Amino acid sequence: MVIKEALMMGSSLLAKVSDTPSLDSKILLEKACNCDRLFLLRNRDDELTEESLQLYRDYLERRKKLEPIAYIINEKEFMGLSFYVDQNVLIPRPDTEILAELAISCFHGKVLDIGTGSGALAVSIAKHGTDVSVDACDISIKALDIARKNAASNCVPVSFFLCDILSDKLLGKYNAIVSNPPYIRSDVVLTLDKNVKDFEPRLALDGGNDGLIFYRTITKKAHEALSDSGILAFEIGYDQANEVSKIMKPLFSDIKVLKDLSGNDRVVTGIKK
């Protein structure tokens, strides 16, 4: 089978399960052939090797079952950087870049990322920030292994450590703390789209009965771990700005809410009282 035939086949197979079947098929064929988009365009009449064709068919079958593209190709871009991802970590979202951009522009000194997952926030802050030293923690050993891999591949120094934020104490003092915690209500997790609930780790999605358990705990522990006038910044669900602001107000001042590119509330920040 030649490249153009493979792309047509892939697009046809994915038409019923994807809004972007043509793009998906291109991305998966690039991965199977270990090539870039330009190579596919320039060599549309080239015959695929048996190995590449079989890999491509395997990827298409996985995508037909709604597995996210990022997990199939083990890669996701975030803040202009490439991150390895698999089903042990949440796939970085464009919405989280709002939080990353805030941290990069405003954070200095010692910074902690709580619940780092793939390391997308921590690595981006370390890569693009100025005068920062970044630590990051997570409850998952497998997630920390992936985050370390991403820090190494993006050539930045980040210190990672294991931490269950709901029970462990934060040690040391930080100038800023950032977190994109699990914030979906437990009863809502099972109603999420199949490509999320069946593939992404529940540990990174479930925020308890009201979706706010991590905000309450992190706010208290961050207040203890932050230096004077230190900054705490959260990513939030689109409808959580008021609740998270109320949680922060007893311990933090100058509470601000930032919106994402869709106009939804996405980040809440405060300064330690």
C-alpha atoms as a PDB file:
ATOM      1  CA  MET A   1       0.000   0.000   0.000  1.00  0.00           C
ATOM      2  CA  VAL A   2       1.332   3.460  -0.888  1.00  0.00           C
ATOM      3  CA  ILE A   3       1.214   6.473   1.418  1.00  0.00           C
ATOM      4  CA  LYS A   4      -1.729   8.227  -0.221  1.00  0.00           C
ATOM      5  CA  GLU A   5      -3.800   5.033  -0.115  1.00  0.00           C
ATOM      6  CA  ALA A   6      -2.950   4.536   3.546  1.00  0.00           C
ATOM      7  CA  LEU A   7      -4.060   8.068   4.371  1.00  0.00           C
ATOM      8  CA  MET A   8      -7.347   7.580   2.547  1.00  0.00           C
ATOM      9  CA  MET A   9      -7.908   4.304   4.359  1.00  0.00           C
ATOM     10  CA  GLY A  10      -7.161   5.874   7.732  1.00  0.00           C
ATOM     11  CA  SER A  11      -9.403   8.849   7.154  1.00  0.00           C
ATOM     12  CA  SER A  12     -12.252   6.575   6.120  1.00  0.00           C
ATOM     13  CA  LEU A  13     -11.840   4.289   9.153  1.00  0.00           C
ATOM     14  CA  LEU A  14     -11.798   7.202  11.591  1.00  0.00           C
ATOM     15  CA  ALA A  15     -14.617   9.232  10.034  1.00  0.00           C
ATOM     16  CA  LYS A  16     -17.215   7.935  12.494  1.00  0.00           C
ATOM     17  CA  VAL A  17     -15.149   8.389  15.663  1.00  0.00           C
ATOM     18  CA  SER A  18     -13.184  11.590  15.062  1.00  0.00           C
ATOM     19  CA  ASP A  19     -13.984  15.161  14.107  1.00  0.00           C
ATOM     20  CA  THR A  20     -10.591  15.342  12.387  1.00  0.00           C
ATOM     21  CA  PRO A  21     -10.124  11.947  10.679  1.00  0.00           C
ATOM     22  CA  SER A  22      -7.766  13.242   7.997  1.00  0.00           C
ATOM     23  CA  LEU A  23      -5.486  14.960  10.505  1.00  0.00           C
ATOM     24  CA  ASP A  24      -5.556  11.949  12.829  1.00  0.00           C
ATOM     25  CA  SER A  25      -4.562   9.612  10.024  1.00  0.00           C
ATOM     26  CA  LYS A  26      -1.644  11.854   9.054  1.00  0.00           C
ATOM     27  CA  ILE A  27      -0.362  12.045  12.632  1.00  0.00           C
ATOM     28  CA  LEU A  28      -0.603   8.282  13.102  1.00  0.00           C
ATOM     29  CA  LEU A  29       1.103   7.530   9.797  1.00  0.00           C
ATOM     30  CA  GLU A  30       3.912   9.939  10.658  1.00  0.00           C
ATOM     31  CA  LYS A  31       4.420   8.019  13.890  1.00  0.00           C
ATOM     32  CA  ALA A  32       4.290   4.632  12.165  1.00  0.00           C
ATOM     33  CA  CYS A  33       6.816   5.727   9.527  1.00  0.00           C
ATOM     34  CA  ASN A  34       8.944   7.799  11.907  1.00  0.00           C
ATOM     35  CA  CYS A  35       8.739  10.735   9.505  1.00  0.00           C
ATOM     36  CA  ASP A  36       7.321  14.259   9.342  1.00  0.00           C
ATOM     37  CA  ARG A  37       4.368  15.753   7.463  1.00  0.00           C
ATOM     38  CA  LEU A  38       6.551  17.065   4.649  1.00  0.00           C
ATOM     39  CA  PHE A  39       7.862  13.577   3.919  1.00  0.00           C
ATOM     40  CA  LEU A  40       4.306  12.269   3.551  1.00  0.00           C
ATOM     41  CA  LEU A  41       3.423  15.076   1.163  1.00  0.00           C
ATOM     42  CA  ARG A  42       6.496  14.631  -0.984  1.00  0.00           C
ATOM     43  CA  ASN A  43       6.354  10.834  -1.143  1.00  0.00           C
ATOM     44  CA  ARG A  44       2.652  10.085  -1.506  1.00  0.00           C
ATOM     45  CA  ASP A  45       3.282   7.353  -4.077  1.00  0.00           C
ATOM     46  CA  ASP A  46       5.953   5.540  -2.049  1.00  0.00           C
ATOM     47  CA  GLU A  47       5.202   2.005  -0.885  1.00  0.00           C
ATOM     48  CA  LEU A  48       4.962   1.492   2.870  1.00  0.00           C
ATOM     49  CA  THR A  49       7.060  -1.196   4.497  1.00  0.00           C
ATOM     50  CA  GLU A  50       5.154  -4.096   6.041  1.00  0.00           C
ATOM     51  CA  GLU A  51       6.335  -3.015   9.476  1.00  0.00           C
ATOM     52  CA  SER A  52       5.129   0.579   9.039  1.00  0.00           C
ATOM     53  CA  LEU A  53       1.804  -0.538   7.600  1.00  0.00           C
ATOM     54  CA  GLN A  54       1.166  -2.940  10.477  1.00  0.00           C
ATOM     55  CA  LEU A  55       2.042  -0.279  13.031  1.00  0.00           C
ATOM     56  CA  TYR A  56      -0.299   2.140  11.293  1.00  0.00           C
ATOM     57  CA  ARG A  57      -3.144  -0.385  11.336  1.00  0.00           C
ATOM     58  CA  ASP A  58      -2.551  -0.974  15.049  1.00  0.00           C
ATOM     59  CA  TYR A  59      -2.658   2.769  15.743  1.00  0.00           C
ATOM     60  CA  LEU A  60      -5.870   3.132  13.742  1.00  0.00           C
ATOM     61  CA  GLU A  61      -7.525   0.355  15.737  1.00  0.00           C
ATOM     62  CA  ARG A  62      -6.579   2.064  18.980  1.00  0.00           C
ATOM     63  CA  ARG A  63      -7.932   5.380  17.725  1.00  0.00           C
ATOM     64  CA  LYS A  64     -11.175   3.693  16.614  1.00  0.00           C
ATOM     65  CA  LYS A  65     -11.653   2.751  20.279  1.00  0.00           C
ATOM     66  CA  LEU A  66     -11.360   6.494  21.093  1.00  0.00           C
ATOM     67  CA  GLU A  67      -7.912   6.314  22.657  1.00  0.00           C
ATOM     68  CA  PRO A  68      -6.486   9.860  22.552  1.00  0.00           C
ATOM     69  CA  ILE A  69      -3.921  10.553  19.850  1.00  0.00           C
ATOM     70  CA  ALA A  70      -1.442  11.793  22.478  1.00  0.00           C
ATOM     71  CA  TYR A  71      -1.368   8.384  24.179  1.00  0.00           C
ATOM     72  CA  ILE A  72      -1.003   6.517  20.897  1.00  0.00           C
ATOM     73  CA  ILE A  73       1.994   8.555  19.766  1.00  0.00           C
ATOM     74  CA  ASN A  74       3.221   9.183  23.347  1.00  0.00           C
ATOM     75  CA  GLU A  75       3.618  12.898  22.741  1.00  0.00           C
ATOM     76  CA  LYS A  76       1.850  16.182  23.455  1.00  0.00           C
ATOM     77  CA  GLU A  77       2.969  19.749  22.868  1.00  0.00           C
ATOM     78  CA  PHE A  78       2.610  22.290  25.663  1.00  0.00           C
ATOM     79  CA  MET A  79       4.034  25.819  25.758  1.00  0.00           C
ATOM     80  CA  GLY A  80       6.032  25.067  22.615  1.00  0.00           C
ATOM     81  CA  LEU A  81       7.721  22.067  24.244  1.00  0.00           C
ATOM     82  CA  SER A  82       7.321  18.355  23.563  1.00  0.00           C
ATOM     83  CA  PHE A  83       6.202  16.087  26.409  1.00  0.00           C
ATOM     84  CA  TYR A  84       6.090  12.306  26.637  1.00  0.00           C
ATOM     85  CA  VAL A  85       2.694  11.124  27.884  1.00  0.00           C
ATOM     86  CA  ASP A  86       1.018   7.795  28.506  1.00  0.00           C
ATOM     87  CA  GLN A  87      -1.996   6.614  30.493  1.00  0.00           C
ATOM     88  CA  ASN A  88      -0.193   7.217  33.803  1.00  0.00           C
ATOM     89  CA  VAL A  89      -0.532  10.999  33.387  1.00  0.00           C
ATOM     90  CA  LEU A  90      -3.159  13.495  32.337  1.00  0.00           C
ATOM     91  CA  ILE A  91      -2.741  14.891  28.828  1.00  0.00           C
ATOM     92  CA  PRO A  92      -1.697  18.575  29.068  1.00  0.00           C
ATOM     93  CA  ARG A  93      -4.476  20.909  27.894  1.00  0.00           C
ATOM     94  CA  PRO A  94      -4.203  24.272  26.139  1.00  0.00           C
ATOM     95  CA  ASP A  95      -6.279  25.820  28.955  1.00  0.00           C
ATOM     96  CA  THR A  96      -3.449  25.076  31.392  1.00  0.00           C
ATOM     97  CA  GLU A  97      -1.166  27.347  29.369  1.00  0.00           C
ATOM     98  CA  ILE A  98      -2.997  30.270  31.031  1.00  0.00           C
ATOM     99  CA  LEU A  99      -1.599  29.128  34.368  1.00  0.00           C
ATOM    100  CA  ALA A 100       1.828  28.441  32.856  1.00  0.00           C
ATOM    101  CA  GLU A 101       2.015  31.893  31.269  1.00  0.00           C
ATOM    102  CA  LEU A 102       1.101  33.539  34.575  1.00  0.00           C
ATOM    103  CA  ALA A 103       3.782  31.592  36.417  1.00  0.00           C
ATOM    104  CA  ILE A 104       6.422  32.307  33.784  1.00  0.00           C
ATOM    105  CA  SER A 105       5.739  36.049  33.819  1.00  0.00           C
ATOM    106  CA  CYS A 106       5.212  36.538  37.576  1.00  0.00           C
ATOM    107  CA  PHE A 107       7.039  33.836  39.539  1.00  0.00           C
ATOM    108  CA  HIS A 108      10.606  34.255  40.753  1.00  0.00           C
ATOM    109  CA  GLY A 109      12.724  32.428  43.280  1.00  0.00           C
ATOM    110  CA  LYS A 110      11.759  28.999  44.547  1.00  0.00           C
ATOM    111  CA  VAL A 111       8.632  27.564  42.913  1.00  0.00           C
ATOM    112  CA  LEU A 112       6.657  24.396  43.728  1.00  0.00           C
ATOM    113  CA  ASP A 113       4.281  22.581  41.349  1.00  0.00           C
ATOM    114  CA  ILE A 114       1.859  20.363  43.296  1.00  0.00           C
ATOM    115  CA  GLY A 115       0.465  17.361  41.378  1.00  0.00           C
ATOM    116  CA  THR A 116       2.902  17.714  38.510  1.00  0.00           C
ATOM    117  CA  GLY A 117       1.746  14.712  36.428  1.00  0.00           C
ATOM    118  CA  SER A 118       3.697  14.817  33.165  1.00  0.00           C
ATOM    119  CA  GLY A 119       5.686  17.763  34.492  1.00  0.00           C
ATOM    120  CA  ALA A 120       4.223  20.107  31.880  1.00  0.00           C
ATOM    121  CA  LEU A 121       3.840  23.065  34.250  1.00  0.00           C
ATOM    122  CA  ALA A 122       7.073  22.549  36.158  1.00  0.00           C
ATOM    123  CA  VAL A 123       9.191  22.016  33.050  1.00  0.00           C
ATOM    124  CA  SER A 124       7.630  24.974  31.225  1.00  0.00           C
ATOM    125  CA  ILE A 125       8.261  27.280  34.181  1.00  0.00           C
ATOM    126  CA  ALA A 126      11.844  26.070  34.474  1.00  0.00           C
ATOM    127  CA  LYS A 127      12.391  26.418  30.714  1.00  0.00           C
ATOM    128  CA  HIS A 128      10.791  29.810  30.133  1.00  0.00           C
ATOM    129  CA  GLY A 129      10.889  31.462  33.568  1.00  0.00           C
ATOM    130  CA  THR A 130      13.443  33.952  34.871  1.00  0.00           C
ATOM    131  CA  ASP A 131      15.421  33.465  38.080  1.00  0.00           C
ATOM    132  CA  VAL A 132      13.426  30.432  39.150  1.00  0.00           C
ATOM    133  CA  SER A 133      14.279  27.196  40.910  1.00  0.00           C
ATOM    134  CA  VAL A 134      11.542  24.616  40.429  1.00  0.00           C
ATOM    135  CA  ASP A 135      10.451  21.703  42.619  1.00  0.00           C
ATOM    136  CA  ALA A 136       7.533  19.441  41.738  1.00  0.00           C
ATOM    137  CA  CYS A 137       5.654  16.679  43.525  1.00  0.00           C
ATOM    138  CA  ASP A 138       3.075  13.995  42.793  1.00  0.00           C
ATOM    139  CA  ILE A 139       1.453  11.039  44.530  1.00  0.00           C
ATOM    140  CA  SER A 140       2.241   8.729  41.593  1.00  0.00           C
ATOM    141  CA  ILE A 141       5.702   7.186  41.237  1.00  0.00           C
ATOM    142  CA  LYS A 142       4.989   6.433  37.574  1.00  0.00           C
ATOM    143  CA  ALA A 143       3.991  10.031  36.934  1.00  0.00           C
ATOM    144  CA  LEU A 144       7.196  11.254  38.568  1.00  0.00           C
ATOM    145  CA  ASP A 145       9.246   8.960  36.323  1.00  0.00           C
ATOM    146  CA  ILE A 146       7.547  10.504  33.284  1.00  0.00           C
ATOM    147  CA  ALA A 147       8.018  14.045  34.611  1.00  0.00           C
ATOM    148  CA  ARG A 148      11.738  13.401  35.167  1.00  0.00           C
ATOM    149  CA  LYS A 149      11.985  12.079  31.616  1.00  0.00           C
ATOM    150  CA  ASN A 150      10.343  15.247  30.298  1.00  0.00           C
ATOM    151  CA  ALA A 151      12.600  17.517  32.321  1.00  0.00           C
ATOM    152  CA  ALA A 152      15.634  15.702  30.940  1.00  0.00           C
ATOM    153  CA  SER A 153      14.413  15.768  27.330  1.00  0.00           C
ATOM    154  CA  ASN A 154      13.745  19.522  27.608  1.00  0.00           C
ATOM    155  CA  CYS A 155      17.101  20.109  29.308  1.00  0.00           C
ATOM    156  CA  VAL A 156      15.878  21.793  32.497  1.00  0.00           C
ATOM    157  CA  PRO A 157      16.710  21.139  36.171  1.00  0.00           C
ATOM    158  CA  VAL A 158      13.599  20.314  38.215  1.00  0.00           C
ATOM    159  CA  SER A 159      13.675  18.569  41.596  1.00  0.00           C
ATOM    160  CA  PHE A 160      10.880  15.986  41.848  1.00  0.00           C
ATOM    161  CA  PHE A 161       9.640  14.281  44.998  1.00  0.00           C
ATOM    162  CA  LEU A 162       6.874  11.898  46.038  1.00  0.00           C
ATOM    163  CA  CYS A 163       4.068  13.498  48.039  1.00  0.00           C
ATOM    164  CA  ASP A 164       0.456  12.732  48.960  1.00  0.00           C
ATOM    165  CA  ILE A 165      -0.691  16.312  49.407  1.00  0.00           C
ATOM    166  CA  LEU A 166      -3.810  15.221  51.302  1.00  0.00           C
ATOM    167  CA  SER A 167      -1.741  13.676  54.103  1.00  0.00           C
ATOM    168  CA  ASP A 168       1.917  14.708  53.789  1.00  0.00           C
ATOM    169  CA  LYS A 169       3.398  17.972  55.043  1.00  0.00           C
ATOM    170  CA  LEU A 170       5.177  20.298  52.644  1.00  0.00           C
ATOM    171  CA  LEU A 171       8.762  20.897  53.701  1.00  0.00           C
ATOM    172  CA  GLY A 172      10.770  24.020  52.937  1.00  0.00           C
ATOM    173  CA  LYS A 173       9.774  27.551  51.957  1.00  0.00           C
ATOM    174  CA  TYR A 174       8.647  28.694  48.517  1.00  0.00           C
ATOM    175  CA  ASN A 175       8.156  32.052  46.847  1.00  0.00           C
ATOM    176  CA  ALA A 176       5.319  30.672  44.722  1.00  0.00           C
ATOM    177  CA  ILE A 177       3.191  27.550  44.523  1.00  0.00           C
ATOM    178  CA  VAL A 178       1.232  26.453  41.480  1.00  0.00           C
ATOM    179  CA  SER A 179      -1.196  23.578  41.082  1.00  0.00           C
ATOM    180  CA  ASN A 180      -3.587  22.108  38.542  1.00  0.00           C
ATOM    181  CA  PRO A 181      -5.233  19.649  40.938  1.00  0.00           C
ATOM    182  CA  PRO A 182      -7.992  17.109  40.242  1.00  0.00           C
ATOM    183  CA  TYR A 183     -11.182  19.201  40.298  1.00  0.00           C
ATOM    184  CA  ILE A 184     -13.994  17.148  38.759  1.00  0.00           C
ATOM    185  CA  ARG A 185     -16.707  15.984  41.168  1.00  0.00           C
ATOM    186  CA  SER A 186     -16.613  12.236  41.822  1.00  0.00           C
ATOM    187  CA  ASP A 187     -20.135  11.712  40.488  1.00  0.00           C
ATOM    188  CA  VAL A 188     -19.290  13.529  37.268  1.00  0.00           C
ATOM    189  CA  VAL A 189     -16.110  11.598  36.408  1.00  0.00           C
ATOM    190  CA  LEU A 190     -18.030   8.581  35.072  1.00  0.00           C
ATOM    191  CA  THR A 191     -20.134  10.844  32.836  1.00  0.00           C
ATOM    192  CA  LEU A 192     -17.129  12.310  31.039  1.00  0.00           C
ATOM    193  CA  ASP A 193     -16.459  11.586  27.378  1.00  0.00           C
ATOM    194  CA  LYS A 194     -15.220   8.043  26.762  1.00  0.00           C
ATOM    195  CA  ASN A 195     -11.845   9.283  25.515  1.00  0.00           C
ATOM    196  CA  VAL A 196     -11.271  10.852  28.943  1.00  0.00           C
ATOM    197  CA  LYS A 197     -12.918   8.507  31.469  1.00  0.00           C
ATOM    198  CA  ASP A 198     -11.679   5.291  29.821  1.00  0.00           C
ATOM    199  CA  PHE A 199      -8.074   6.361  29.277  1.00  0.00           C
ATOM    200  CA  GLU A 200      -6.911   9.205  31.509  1.00  0.00           C
ATOM    201  CA  PRO A 201      -6.006   8.413  35.154  1.00  0.00           C
ATOM    202  CA  ARG A 202      -8.921   8.922  37.545  1.00  0.00           C
ATOM    203  CA  LEU A 203      -6.381   9.923  40.173  1.00  0.00           C
ATOM    204  CA  ALA A 204      -5.715  13.068  38.133  1.00  0.00           C
ATOM    205  CA  LEU A 205      -9.413  13.848  37.549  1.00  0.00           C
ATOM    206  CA  ASP A 206     -11.371  13.126  40.743  1.00  0.00           C
ATOM    207  CA  GLY A 207     -11.601  16.092  43.101  1.00  0.00           C
ATOM    208  CA  GLY A 208     -13.899  14.492  45.652  1.00  0.00           C
ATOM    209  CA  ASN A 209     -17.609  14.830  46.277  1.00  0.00           C
ATOM    210  CA  ASP A 210     -17.705  18.546  45.509  1.00  0.00           C
ATOM    211  CA  GLY A 211     -14.549  18.778  43.390  1.00  0.00           C
ATOM    212  CA  LEU A 212     -12.882  21.035  45.953  1.00  0.00           C
ATOM    213  CA  ILE A 213     -11.018  18.709  48.336  1.00  0.00           C
ATOM    214  CA  PHE A 214      -7.593  19.495  46.892  1.00  0.00           C
ATOM    215  CA  TYR A 215      -8.185  23.260  46.908  1.00  0.00           C
ATOM    216  CA  ARG A 216      -8.983  23.207  50.623  1.00  0.00           C
ATOM    217  CA  THR A 217      -5.948  21.133  51.559  1.00  0.00           C
ATOM    218  CA  ILE A 218      -3.459  22.811  49.227  1.00  0.00           C
ATOM    219  CA  THR A 219      -4.574  26.301  50.314  1.00  0.00           C
ATOM    220  CA  LYS A 220      -3.826  25.508  53.980  1.00  0.00           C
ATOM    221  CA  LYS A 221      -0.538  23.741  53.306  1.00  0.00           C
ATOM    222  CA  ALA A 222       0.580  26.331  50.759  1.00  0.00           C
ATOM    223  CA  HIS A 223       0.039  29.102  53.304  1.00  0.00           C
ATOM    224  CA  GLU A 224       2.407  27.312  55.677  1.00  0.00           C
ATOM    225  CA  ALA A 225       4.999  26.584  52.966  1.00  0.00           C
ATOM    226  CA  LEU A 226       5.016  30.014  51.295  1.00  0.00           C
ATOM    227  CA  SER A 227       7.345  32.816  52.322  1.00  0.00           C
ATOM    228  CA  ASP A 228       5.914  36.225  53.199  1.00  0.00           C
ATOM    229  CA  SER A 229       3.855  37.638  50.303  1.00  0.00           C
ATOM    230  CA  GLY A 230       4.249  34.364  48.431  1.00  0.00           C
ATOM    231  CA  ILE A 231       1.890  33.605  45.544  1.00  0.00           C
ATOM    232  CA  LEU A 232      -0.527  30.686  45.208  1.00  0.00           C
ATOM    233  CA  ALA A 233      -2.056  30.016  41.783  1.00  0.00           C
ATOM    234  CA  PHE A 234      -4.604  27.324  40.885  1.00  0.00           C
ATOM    235  CA  GLU A 235      -6.154  26.095  37.682  1.00  0.00           C
ATOM    236  CA  ILE A 236      -9.900  25.683  38.259  1.00  0.00           C
ATOM    237  CA  GLY A 237     -12.967  24.282  36.561  1.00  0.00           C
ATOM    238  CA  TYR A 238     -14.968  26.840  34.586  1.00  0.00           C
ATOM    239  CA  ASP A 239     -17.620  27.086  37.342  1.00  0.00           C
ATOM    240  CA  GLN A 240     -15.387  27.009  40.429  1.00  0.00           C
ATOM    241  CA  ALA A 241     -14.056  30.578  40.674  1.00  0.00           C
ATOM    242  CA  ASN A 242     -16.371  31.687  43.486  1.00  0.00           C
ATOM    243  CA  GLU A 243     -15.873  28.556  45.602  1.00  0.00           C
ATOM    244  CA  VAL A 244     -12.074  28.517  45.255  1.00  0.00           C
ATOM    245  CA  SER A 245     -11.872  32.258  45.939  1.00  0.00           C
ATOM    246  CA  LYS A 246     -13.866  31.741  49.168  1.00  0.00           C
ATOM    247  CA  ILE A 247     -11.527  28.924  50.217  1.00  0.00           C
ATOM    248  CA  MET A 248      -8.476  31.151  49.677  1.00  0.00           C
ATOM    249  CA  LYS A 249      -9.736  34.437  51.170  1.00  0.00           C
ATOM    250  CA  PRO A 250      -9.100  33.668  54.881  1.00  0.00           C
ATOM    251  CA  LEU A 251      -5.405  33.052  54.177  1.00  0.00           C
ATOM    252  CA  PHE A 252      -4.708  34.983  50.964  1.00  0.00           C
ATOM    253  CA  SER A 253      -5.295  38.537  49.785  1.00  0.00           C
ATOM    254  CA  ASP A 254      -5.564  40.221  46.383  1.00  0.00           C
ATOM    255  CA  ILE A 255      -7.567  37.286  44.987  1.00  0.00           C
ATOM    256  CA  LYS A 256      -7.765  37.451  41.201  1.00  0.00           C
ATOM    257  CA  VAL A 257      -9.526  35.301  38.581  1.00  0.00           C
ATOM    258  CA  LEU A 258      -8.118  34.912  35.069  1.00  0.00           C
ATOM    259  CA  LYS A 259     -10.091  33.699  32.076  1.00  0.00           C
ATOM    260  CA  ASP A 260      -8.998  31.307  29.332  1.00  0.00           C
ATOM    261  CA  LEU A 261      -9.186  32.004  25.612  1.00  0.00           C
ATOM    262  CA  SER A 262     -12.794  30.801  25.543  1.00  0.00           C
ATOM    263  CA  GLY A 263     -13.805  33.363  28.157  1.00  0.00           C
ATOM    264  CA  ASN A 264     -14.203  30.831  30.976  1.00  0.00           C
ATOM    265  CA  ASP A 265     -12.788  31.361  34.474  1.00  0.00           C
ATOM    266  CA  ARG A 266      -9.620  29.269  34.524  1.00  0.00           C
ATOM    267  CA  VAL A 267      -7.086  30.489  37.117  1.00  0.00           C
ATOM    268  CA  VAL A 268      -7.365  31.867  40.643  1.00  0.00           C
ATOM    269  CA  THR A 269      -4.407  33.546  42.348  1.00  0.00           C
ATOM    270  CA  GLY A 270      -3.743  35.077  45.747  1.00  0.00           C
ATOM    271  CA  ILE A 271      -0.956  36.523  47.881  1.00  0.00           C
ATOM    272  CA  LYS A 272      -0.185  35.080  51.315  1.00  0.00           C
ATOM    273  CA  LYS A 273      -1.482  37.216  54.169  1.00  0.00           C
END
